[in-house]
Structure formats: C-alpha cells, structure tokens
C-alpha cells in the first residue's frame, strides 16, 4: 500500500485508491506541508484535498507527456458527443 505523499505535483498518474476499485487518472496540483490538492478525471473533473498520509492501494503508472497528449485528444474530442445542437 502507498500514500499520496509519493505523488509529485504536475504529473499525471493512474492509481487505484482501494483494492478492487477502478483506475483513476489524477494530477497533483498543489502540495502543502500535510496535504495535496488533486484533480481526478472520470466522468467529470473532481478537485479535492487529500492528506499526504491518505492511502493509495496501487500507483499503476506515471503517464508520459506523449500519453497525456493522446489521452487529452481522446477525452476532449468525446466531450462534444453528448451535446446536440438545437436548430430553431
């Protein structure tokens, strides 16, 4: 088992917070003495504070800049698929 303290600001990680849960993509935005402000990407973007001591079941992968560009293109290109324009 790991903790949030191992994650570095500015990087994107695929993590599993609890055993048998799905993977989460997250980025550490701010680090204070005892806490971290993170963005989690799922169906929507969730921003929250976590204690550095909060457990992370597994840090699966640190994503490279190249992989993040690929993910960004896929994530934001699908964003408009759920919205239809009204022709009035």
C-alpha atoms as a PDB file:
ATOM      1  CA  UNK A   1       0.000   0.000   0.000  1.00  0.00           C
ATOM      2  CA  UNK A   2       1.162   3.512  -0.854  1.00  0.00           C
ATOM      3  CA  UNK A   3       0.185   7.037   0.144  1.00  0.00           C
ATOM      4  CA  UNK A   4      -0.438  10.304  -1.662  1.00  0.00           C
ATOM      5  CA  UNK A   5       2.910  11.588  -0.368  1.00  0.00           C
ATOM      6  CA  UNK A   6       4.664   9.578  -3.111  1.00  0.00           C
ATOM      7  CA  UNK A   7       2.946  11.535  -5.891  1.00  0.00           C
ATOM      8  CA  UNK A   8       4.699  14.580  -7.290  1.00  0.00           C
ATOM      9  CA  UNK A   9       2.987  17.810  -8.379  1.00  0.00           C
ATOM     10  CA  UNK A  10       2.390  18.415 -12.065  1.00  0.00           C
ATOM     11  CA  UNK A  11       2.455  14.752 -13.076  1.00  0.00           C
ATOM     12  CA  UNK A  12      -0.417  12.516 -14.150  1.00  0.00           C
ATOM     13  CA  UNK A  13      -0.859   9.135 -12.502  1.00  0.00           C
ATOM     14  CA  UNK A  14      -3.124   6.152 -12.960  1.00  0.00           C
ATOM     15  CA  UNK A  15      -3.926   4.965  -9.453  1.00  0.00           C
ATOM     16  CA  UNK A  16      -6.220   2.555  -7.702  1.00  0.00           C
ATOM     17  CA  UNK A  17      -7.263   4.136  -4.419  1.00  0.00           C
ATOM     18  CA  UNK A  18      -8.826   0.988  -2.960  1.00  0.00           C
ATOM     19  CA  UNK A  19      -8.467  -2.677  -3.790  1.00  0.00           C
ATOM     20  CA  UNK A  20     -10.956  -3.895  -6.424  1.00  0.00           C
ATOM     21  CA  UNK A  21     -11.894  -0.352  -7.486  1.00  0.00           C
ATOM     22  CA  UNK A  22     -11.464   1.058 -10.966  1.00  0.00           C
ATOM     23  CA  UNK A  23      -8.416   3.049 -12.021  1.00  0.00           C
ATOM     24  CA  UNK A  24      -8.441   6.823 -11.618  1.00  0.00           C
ATOM     25  CA  UNK A  25      -6.411   9.334 -13.582  1.00  0.00           C
ATOM     26  CA  UNK A  26      -5.243  12.119 -11.312  1.00  0.00           C
ATOM     27  CA  UNK A  27      -2.857  15.050 -11.257  1.00  0.00           C
ATOM     28  CA  UNK A  28      -1.364  16.650  -8.170  1.00  0.00           C
ATOM     29  CA  UNK A  29      -1.832  20.415  -8.433  1.00  0.00           C
ATOM     30  CA  UNK A  30      -0.657  21.824  -5.071  1.00  0.00           C
ATOM     31  CA  UNK A  31       1.362  20.378  -2.209  1.00  0.00           C
ATOM     32  CA  UNK A  32       1.289  21.875   1.291  1.00  0.00           C
ATOM     33  CA  UNK A  33       3.033  20.664   4.428  1.00  0.00           C
ATOM     34  CA  UNK A  34       0.413  18.000   5.179  1.00  0.00           C
ATOM     35  CA  UNK A  35      -1.969  17.870   2.229  1.00  0.00           C
ATOM     36  CA  UNK A  36      -2.240  17.743  -1.553  1.00  0.00           C
ATOM     37  CA  UNK A  37      -4.780  19.310  -3.891  1.00  0.00           C
ATOM     38  CA  UNK A  38      -5.553  16.854  -6.686  1.00  0.00           C
ATOM     39  CA  UNK A  39      -7.671  16.751  -9.831  1.00  0.00           C
ATOM     40  CA  UNK A  40      -9.321  13.432 -10.623  1.00  0.00           C
ATOM     41  CA  UNK A  41     -10.541  12.750 -14.141  1.00  0.00           C
ATOM     42  CA  UNK A  42     -13.512  10.448 -14.511  1.00  0.00           C
ATOM     43  CA  UNK A  43     -16.916  11.272 -15.971  1.00  0.00           C
ATOM     44  CA  UNK A  44     -16.218  14.795 -14.793  1.00  0.00           C
ATOM     45  CA  UNK A  45     -13.238  16.503 -13.198  1.00  0.00           C
ATOM     46  CA  UNK A  46     -13.243  16.397  -9.403  1.00  0.00           C
ATOM     47  CA  UNK A  47     -10.904  18.626  -7.404  1.00  0.00           C
ATOM     48  CA  UNK A  48     -10.241  17.821  -3.778  1.00  0.00           C
ATOM     49  CA  UNK A  49      -7.743  17.988  -0.941  1.00  0.00           C
ATOM     50  CA  UNK A  50      -6.146  14.750   0.250  1.00  0.00           C
ATOM     51  CA  UNK A  51      -3.880  14.204   3.222  1.00  0.00           C
ATOM     52  CA  UNK A  52      -0.406  13.085   2.284  1.00  0.00           C
ATOM     53  CA  UNK A  53      -0.980  10.119   4.582  1.00  0.00           C
ATOM     54  CA  UNK A  54      -4.207   9.035   2.816  1.00  0.00           C
ATOM     55  CA  UNK A  55      -3.707   5.541   1.414  1.00  0.00           C
ATOM     56  CA  UNK A  56      -3.457   4.606  -2.241  1.00  0.00           C
ATOM     57  CA  UNK A  57      -3.779   0.897  -2.908  1.00  0.00           C
ATOM     58  CA  UNK A  58      -1.643   0.969  -6.077  1.00  0.00           C
ATOM     59  CA  UNK A  59       0.184   3.533  -8.180  1.00  0.00           C
ATOM     60  CA  UNK A  60      -0.196   1.777 -11.503  1.00  0.00           C
ATOM     61  CA  UNK A  61       1.613   4.169 -13.803  1.00  0.00           C
ATOM     62  CA  UNK A  62       3.144   7.610 -14.203  1.00  0.00           C
ATOM     63  CA  UNK A  63       1.959   8.777 -17.618  1.00  0.00           C
ATOM     64  CA  UNK A  64       4.410  10.310 -20.050  1.00  0.00           C
ATOM     65  CA  UNK A  65       3.782  13.654 -21.747  1.00  0.00           C
ATOM     66  CA  UNK A  66       3.152  11.794 -25.015  1.00  0.00           C
ATOM     67  CA  UNK A  67       0.496   9.553 -23.442  1.00  0.00           C
ATOM     68  CA  UNK A  68      -1.143  12.569 -21.811  1.00  0.00           C
ATOM     69  CA  UNK A  69      -1.410  14.304 -25.192  1.00  0.00           C
ATOM     70  CA  UNK A  70      -3.062  11.180 -26.626  1.00  0.00           C
ATOM     71  CA  UNK A  71      -5.458  10.977 -23.670  1.00  0.00           C
ATOM     72  CA  UNK A  72      -6.261  14.716 -23.831  1.00  0.00           C
ATOM     73  CA  UNK A  73      -7.138  14.444 -27.516  1.00  0.00           C
ATOM     74  CA  UNK A  74      -9.405  11.439 -26.868  1.00  0.00           C
ATOM     75  CA  UNK A  75     -11.018  12.892 -23.715  1.00  0.00           C
ATOM     76  CA  UNK A  76     -11.876  16.289 -25.153  1.00  0.00           C
ATOM     77  CA  UNK A  77     -12.896  15.010 -28.602  1.00  0.00           C
ATOM     78  CA  UNK A  78     -15.576  12.856 -26.936  1.00  0.00           C
ATOM     79  CA  UNK A  79     -16.782  15.709 -24.748  1.00  0.00           C
ATOM     80  CA  UNK A  80     -18.968  17.184 -27.516  1.00  0.00           C
ATOM     81  CA  UNK A  81     -20.513  13.821 -28.403  1.00  0.00           C
ATOM     82  CA  UNK A  82     -23.046  14.176 -25.588  1.00  0.00           C
ATOM     83  CA  UNK A  83     -24.325  17.578 -26.611  1.00  0.00           C
ATOM     84  CA  UNK A  84     -26.685  18.105 -29.513  1.00  0.00           C
ATOM     85  CA  UNK A  85     -27.281  21.459 -31.102  1.00  0.00           C
ATOM     86  CA  UNK A  86     -30.844  22.691 -31.255  1.00  0.00           C
ATOM     87  CA  UNK A  87     -31.890  24.006 -34.642  1.00  0.00           C
ATOM     88  CA  UNK A  88     -34.523  26.637 -34.005  1.00  0.00           C
END
